[in-house]
Amino acid sequence: MSTATAAPVDRLLYKPEEAAEALAIGRSTVYELMAEGALNYIKLGRLRRIRRADLEAYVANLTPCPPDPSTT
């Protein structure tokens, strides 16, 4: 019997809970971002799914905070 595991599948669609985990934020924050239009999603019947490309676009559009002068 082989104990080899298959390589993880690179997902195309994420549940809001999975997107929250990938972004290291809370599930309710993901739903708020979706409601505000800041994070695009698709609807499949009653389900909401977030495309990987939309997660990447959201992160790419985040503005970095300027350095804190008190720590230099």
Protein backbone atom coordinates (compact mmCIF):
# COMPACT_ATOMS: atom_id res chain seq x y z
CA MET A 1 0.00 0.00 0.00
CA SER A 2 1.34 3.41 -1.00
CA THR A 3 1.37 6.30 1.44
CA ALA A 4 2.11 8.93 -1.20
CA THR A 5 -0.31 11.84 -1.19
CA ALA A 6 -1.53 13.72 -4.23
CA ALA A 7 -0.30 17.25 -4.83
CA PRO A 8 -2.72 19.89 -3.53
CA VAL A 9 -5.15 21.18 -6.11
CA ASP A 10 -4.72 24.83 -7.02
CA ARG A 11 -8.27 26.09 -6.44
CA LEU A 12 -10.08 28.34 -8.88
CA LEU A 13 -13.00 29.16 -6.58
CA TYR A 14 -13.01 29.70 -2.82
CA LYS A 15 -15.80 29.66 -0.26
CA PRO A 16 -15.88 32.89 1.77
CA GLU A 17 -14.52 30.94 4.75
CA GLU A 18 -11.61 29.64 2.66
CA ALA A 19 -10.95 33.12 1.27
CA ALA A 20 -10.85 34.45 4.84
CA GLU A 21 -8.27 31.83 5.76
CA ALA A 22 -6.18 32.59 2.65
CA LEU A 23 -6.25 36.33 3.43
CA ALA A 24 -5.71 35.80 7.19
CA ILE A 25 -8.83 37.83 8.04
CA GLY A 26 -12.17 36.97 9.59
CA ARG A 27 -15.08 35.41 7.74
CA SER A 28 -17.36 38.36 8.55
CA THR A 29 -14.76 40.74 7.13
CA VAL A 30 -14.85 38.82 3.83
CA TYR A 31 -18.64 39.16 3.73
CA GLU A 32 -18.32 42.90 4.46
CA LEU A 33 -15.77 43.33 1.65
CA MET A 34 -18.09 41.47 -0.71
CA ALA A 35 -21.07 43.66 0.32
CA GLU A 36 -19.01 46.85 -0.16
CA GLY A 37 -17.87 45.72 -3.60
CA ALA A 38 -14.23 45.71 -2.54
CA LEU A 39 -13.96 41.95 -3.14
CA ASN A 40 -15.65 40.59 -6.25
CA TYR A 41 -17.51 37.29 -6.11
CA ILE A 42 -19.79 35.16 -8.22
CA LYS A 43 -23.08 33.52 -7.36
CA LEU A 44 -23.78 29.92 -8.28
CA GLY A 45 -27.41 29.49 -7.36
CA ARG A 46 -27.48 30.37 -3.66
CA LEU A 47 -23.72 29.92 -3.23
CA ARG A 48 -21.15 32.70 -3.23
CA ARG A 49 -17.68 31.89 -4.48
CA ILE A 50 -14.60 34.06 -4.88
CA ARG A 51 -12.31 33.52 -7.83
CA ARG A 52 -8.61 33.15 -7.12
CA ALA A 53 -7.93 36.02 -9.54
CA ASP A 54 -10.27 38.28 -7.53
CA LEU A 55 -8.43 37.42 -4.30
CA GLU A 56 -5.12 38.22 -5.97
CA ALA A 57 -6.50 41.49 -7.41
CA TYR A 58 -7.80 42.52 -3.98
CA VAL A 59 -4.40 41.94 -2.37
CA ALA A 60 -2.57 43.68 -5.23
CA ASN A 61 -4.74 46.78 -4.74
CA LEU A 62 -4.09 47.08 -1.00
CA THR A 63 -2.10 50.17 -0.10
CA PRO A 64 0.89 49.58 2.16
CA CYS A 65 1.05 51.67 5.31
CA PRO A 66 3.85 54.25 5.42
CA PRO A 67 6.70 53.46 7.82
CA ASP A 68 6.17 54.63 11.39
CA PRO A 69 8.73 57.40 12.03
CA SER A 70 8.76 56.66 15.77
CA THR A 71 10.33 53.23 15.14
CA THR A 72 13.33 54.47 13.14
